[in-house]
Each structure stands twice: as structure tokens, then as C-alpha cells.
Amino acid sequence: MCHWRRVRNTYNQCGHVFDLADEMIRCDDRYCKFSSSHPSTCVPPSCTTTCWQYRQFPQQFNRFIDSVCPGCTQQAKADRV
């Protein structure tokens, strides 16, 4: 089924956390009404009984990056000038 992907970047050296924009992951299942493979001829009421009518729970990733965040990197460069 189609679902959203949520990614959070956690920078270990400065402790800042940034959430990336949610990304829609599309499936190729003809029985998912959100899929590009879902036939345009599949319409209610039959579609509501044979096809997925909702997206799957979002995938969630928390990436731990062993560096400082881009904002802290930029601030450090500005402080050196």
C-alpha cells in the first residue's frame, strides 16, 4: 500500500533535530486506490469492498548523524570571519 515516509535527522555533536518533509511512497498494487496502477474503471461501490481505501501507517526513520547540523556549521564559519 502507499504510505508516507517521515525522516528525522538528529545531529549528535550539537544535539539539534530536524524533520525532513514527508515523502509519499507509491506502491504498484492495483488494489490500492492511491496507486498509479489502480484502474480508473474501478469505482464505488465495488472499489470500496475490493481495494485499500486508506494509506498504510507511515514509515518513520530517525537518523543519528555524527556531526554538527548545517546551521551550526554555517555559524562556525561566520564566527571565523
N, C-alpha and C. Protein backbone atom coordinates (compact mmCIF):
# COMPACT_ATOMS: atom_id res chain seq x y z
N MET A 1 0.83 -1.19 0.00
CA MET A 1 0.00 0.00 0.00
C MET A 1 0.87 1.25 0.00
N CYS A 2 0.32 2.30 -0.52
CA CYS A 2 1.00 3.59 -0.50
C CYS A 2 1.10 4.07 0.95
N HIS A 3 2.17 4.79 1.24
CA HIS A 3 2.36 5.28 2.61
C HIS A 3 3.29 6.50 2.61
N TRP A 4 3.29 7.20 3.70
CA TRP A 4 4.18 8.33 3.89
C TRP A 4 5.47 7.85 4.55
N ARG A 5 6.56 8.54 4.25
CA ARG A 5 7.84 8.29 4.92
C ARG A 5 8.23 9.56 5.66
N ARG A 6 8.50 9.42 6.95
CA ARG A 6 8.91 10.55 7.79
C ARG A 6 10.34 10.31 8.26
N VAL A 7 11.20 11.30 8.01
CA VAL A 7 12.61 11.17 8.38
C VAL A 7 12.99 12.32 9.31
N ARG A 8 13.67 11.97 10.39
CA ARG A 8 14.19 12.95 11.35
C ARG A 8 15.70 12.78 11.43
N ASN A 9 16.41 13.87 11.24
CA ASN A 9 17.87 13.87 11.36
C ASN A 9 18.24 14.43 12.73
N THR A 10 18.97 13.65 13.51
CA THR A 10 19.47 14.08 14.81
C THR A 10 20.99 14.19 14.71
N TYR A 11 21.50 15.39 14.97
CA TYR A 11 22.94 15.65 14.88
C TYR A 11 23.55 15.47 16.26
N ASN A 12 24.39 14.46 16.39
CA ASN A 12 24.94 14.08 17.69
C ASN A 12 25.82 15.15 18.33
N GLN A 13 26.62 15.86 17.53
CA GLN A 13 27.60 16.78 18.10
C GLN A 13 26.99 18.08 18.63
N CYS A 14 25.86 18.50 18.08
CA CYS A 14 25.23 19.73 18.58
C CYS A 14 23.87 19.46 19.22
N GLY A 15 23.29 18.28 18.97
CA GLY A 15 22.02 17.92 19.58
C GLY A 15 20.79 18.46 18.86
N HIS A 16 20.98 19.17 17.74
CA HIS A 16 19.83 19.69 17.01
C HIS A 16 19.12 18.59 16.24
N VAL A 17 17.82 18.77 16.09
CA VAL A 17 16.97 17.78 15.42
C VAL A 17 16.18 18.48 14.33
N PHE A 18 16.16 17.88 13.13
CA PHE A 18 15.42 18.45 12.01
C PHE A 18 14.56 17.37 11.38
N ASP A 19 13.29 17.70 11.17
CA ASP A 19 12.37 16.80 10.47
C ASP A 19 12.37 17.18 8.99
N LEU A 20 12.62 16.20 8.14
CA LEU A 20 12.56 16.44 6.70
C LEU A 20 11.10 16.43 6.25
N ALA A 21 10.85 16.95 5.08
CA ALA A 21 9.49 16.96 4.53
C ALA A 21 9.02 15.52 4.33
N ASP A 22 7.75 15.26 4.66
CA ASP A 22 7.19 13.93 4.45
C ASP A 22 7.22 13.59 2.96
N GLU A 23 7.50 12.33 2.66
CA GLU A 23 7.59 11.86 1.28
C GLU A 23 6.56 10.76 1.07
N MET A 24 5.79 10.87 0.00
CA MET A 24 4.81 9.84 -0.34
C MET A 24 5.52 8.72 -1.11
N ILE A 25 5.38 7.50 -0.59
CA ILE A 25 5.93 6.32 -1.26
C ILE A 25 4.76 5.61 -1.93
N ARG A 26 4.83 5.54 -3.24
CA ARG A 26 3.75 4.93 -4.02
C ARG A 26 4.02 3.44 -4.26
N CYS A 27 2.99 2.64 -4.15
CA CYS A 27 3.11 1.21 -4.43
C CYS A 27 2.63 0.94 -5.85
N ASP A 28 2.75 -0.28 -6.29
CA ASP A 28 2.27 -0.68 -7.62
C ASP A 28 1.11 -1.66 -7.52
N ASP A 29 0.42 -1.60 -6.40
CA ASP A 29 -0.69 -2.53 -6.16
C ASP A 29 -1.96 -2.03 -6.84
N ARG A 30 -2.51 -2.82 -7.69
CA ARG A 30 -3.73 -2.39 -8.40
C ARG A 30 -4.93 -2.31 -7.45
N TYR A 31 -4.81 -2.90 -6.26
CA TYR A 31 -5.90 -2.86 -5.30
C TYR A 31 -5.74 -1.73 -4.27
N CYS A 32 -4.82 -0.84 -4.50
CA CYS A 32 -4.65 0.34 -3.65
C CYS A 32 -5.20 1.53 -4.43
N LYS A 33 -6.19 2.20 -3.89
CA LYS A 33 -6.84 3.27 -4.65
C LYS A 33 -5.93 4.48 -4.86
N PHE A 34 -4.81 4.58 -4.12
CA PHE A 34 -3.87 5.68 -4.27
C PHE A 34 -2.76 5.38 -5.27
N SER A 35 -2.67 4.13 -5.71
CA SER A 35 -1.61 3.69 -6.61
C SER A 35 -1.87 4.12 -8.05
N SER A 36 -0.78 4.37 -8.77
CA SER A 36 -0.93 4.69 -10.20
C SER A 36 -1.36 3.45 -10.99
N SER A 37 -1.23 2.27 -10.39
CA SER A 37 -1.66 1.03 -11.05
C SER A 37 -3.14 0.72 -10.84
N HIS A 38 -3.79 1.51 -10.00
CA HIS A 38 -5.22 1.29 -9.75
C HIS A 38 -6.01 1.68 -10.99
N PRO A 39 -6.82 0.77 -11.52
CA PRO A 39 -7.54 1.07 -12.76
C PRO A 39 -8.58 2.18 -12.57
N SER A 40 -8.64 3.06 -13.53
CA SER A 40 -9.60 4.17 -13.47
C SER A 40 -11.05 3.67 -13.57
N THR A 41 -11.23 2.45 -14.03
CA THR A 41 -12.57 1.88 -14.14
C THR A 41 -13.07 1.29 -12.83
N CYS A 42 -12.19 1.20 -11.84
CA CYS A 42 -12.58 0.66 -10.53
C CYS A 42 -13.18 1.80 -9.71
N VAL A 43 -14.47 1.78 -9.55
CA VAL A 43 -15.19 2.87 -8.87
C VAL A 43 -16.14 2.29 -7.83
N PRO A 44 -16.57 3.12 -6.88
CA PRO A 44 -17.55 2.64 -5.89
C PRO A 44 -18.83 2.18 -6.58
N PRO A 45 -19.52 1.27 -6.01
CA PRO A 45 -19.34 0.67 -4.70
C PRO A 45 -18.37 -0.51 -4.68
N SER A 46 -18.04 -1.09 -5.84
CA SER A 46 -17.16 -2.27 -5.83
C SER A 46 -15.76 -1.92 -5.33
N CYS A 47 -15.26 -0.74 -5.65
CA CYS A 47 -13.92 -0.34 -5.24
C CYS A 47 -13.79 -0.32 -3.71
N THR A 48 -14.81 0.11 -3.04
CA THR A 48 -14.75 0.22 -1.57
C THR A 48 -14.70 -1.14 -0.88
N THR A 49 -15.10 -2.19 -1.58
CA THR A 49 -15.06 -3.52 -0.97
C THR A 49 -13.86 -4.34 -1.43
N THR A 50 -13.25 -3.99 -2.58
CA THR A 50 -12.15 -4.79 -3.10
C THR A 50 -10.78 -4.12 -2.97
N CYS A 51 -10.74 -2.81 -2.76
CA CYS A 51 -9.47 -2.08 -2.78
C CYS A 51 -9.20 -1.39 -1.45
N TRP A 52 -7.89 -1.18 -1.18
CA TRP A 52 -7.47 -0.45 0.03
C TRP A 52 -7.98 0.97 -0.07
N GLN A 53 -8.63 1.45 0.98
CA GLN A 53 -9.21 2.80 0.98
C GLN A 53 -8.42 3.76 1.87
N TYR A 54 -7.31 3.31 2.40
CA TYR A 54 -6.50 4.16 3.28
C TYR A 54 -5.03 3.83 3.06
N ARG A 55 -4.19 4.76 3.47
CA ARG A 55 -2.74 4.53 3.36
C ARG A 55 -2.25 3.77 4.58
N GLN A 56 -1.16 3.06 4.39
CA GLN A 56 -0.54 2.32 5.48
C GLN A 56 0.06 3.31 6.49
N PHE A 57 0.30 2.85 7.72
CA PHE A 57 0.93 3.69 8.74
C PHE A 57 2.27 4.19 8.22
N PRO A 58 2.63 5.44 8.48
CA PRO A 58 3.88 5.98 7.92
C PRO A 58 5.13 5.27 8.43
N GLN A 59 6.10 5.13 7.53
CA GLN A 59 7.42 4.66 7.94
C GLN A 59 8.09 5.83 8.66
N GLN A 60 8.76 5.55 9.76
CA GLN A 60 9.44 6.60 10.50
C GLN A 60 10.90 6.21 10.71
N PHE A 61 11.79 7.12 10.32
CA PHE A 61 13.22 6.89 10.46
C PHE A 61 13.81 8.03 11.27
N ASN A 62 14.69 7.70 12.20
CA ASN A 62 15.44 8.70 12.95
C ASN A 62 16.91 8.43 12.68
N ARG A 63 17.51 9.29 11.85
CA ARG A 63 18.92 9.12 11.51
C ARG A 63 19.76 9.90 12.51
N PHE A 64 20.76 9.23 13.09
CA PHE A 64 21.70 9.87 14.01
C PHE A 64 22.98 10.13 13.23
N ILE A 65 23.29 11.40 13.05
CA ILE A 65 24.42 11.82 12.22
C ILE A 65 25.52 12.33 13.14
N ASP A 66 26.71 11.76 13.02
CA ASP A 66 27.82 12.10 13.91
C ASP A 66 28.55 13.34 13.40
N SER A 67 27.86 14.48 13.44
CA SER A 67 28.45 15.76 13.06
C SER A 67 27.55 16.86 13.62
N VAL A 68 27.89 18.10 13.31
CA VAL A 68 27.03 19.21 13.71
C VAL A 68 26.06 19.49 12.57
N CYS A 69 24.96 20.13 12.87
CA CYS A 69 23.94 20.40 11.86
C CYS A 69 24.43 21.49 10.89
N PRO A 70 23.78 21.63 9.75
CA PRO A 70 24.18 22.65 8.78
C PRO A 70 24.14 24.07 9.37
N GLY A 71 23.19 24.36 10.23
CA GLY A 71 23.11 25.69 10.85
C GLY A 71 24.31 25.98 11.73
N CYS A 72 24.72 24.99 12.51
CA CYS A 72 25.90 25.17 13.38
C CYS A 72 27.17 25.27 12.55
N THR A 73 27.24 24.52 11.45
CA THR A 73 28.40 24.59 10.56
C THR A 73 28.51 25.98 9.96
N GLN A 74 27.39 26.52 9.53
CA GLN A 74 27.36 27.85 8.94
C GLN A 74 27.72 28.91 9.98
N GLN A 75 27.21 28.76 11.18
CA GLN A 75 27.51 29.71 12.26
C GLN A 75 29.00 29.68 12.61
N ALA A 76 29.59 28.49 12.63
CA ALA A 76 31.02 28.36 12.93
C ALA A 76 31.87 29.05 11.86
N LYS A 77 31.46 28.95 10.59
CA LYS A 77 32.17 29.63 9.50
C LYS A 77 32.05 31.14 9.65
N ALA A 78 30.87 31.62 10.02
CA ALA A 78 30.65 33.06 10.18
C ALA A 78 31.45 33.61 11.37
N ASP A 79 31.60 32.81 12.42
CA ASP A 79 32.35 33.26 13.59
C ASP A 79 33.85 33.37 13.31
N ARG A 80 34.34 32.60 12.34
CA ARG A 80 35.77 32.63 11.99
C ARG A 80 36.14 33.88 11.19
N VAL A 81 35.16 34.50 10.58
CA VAL A 81 35.44 35.66 9.72
C VAL A 81 35.57 36.92 10.52
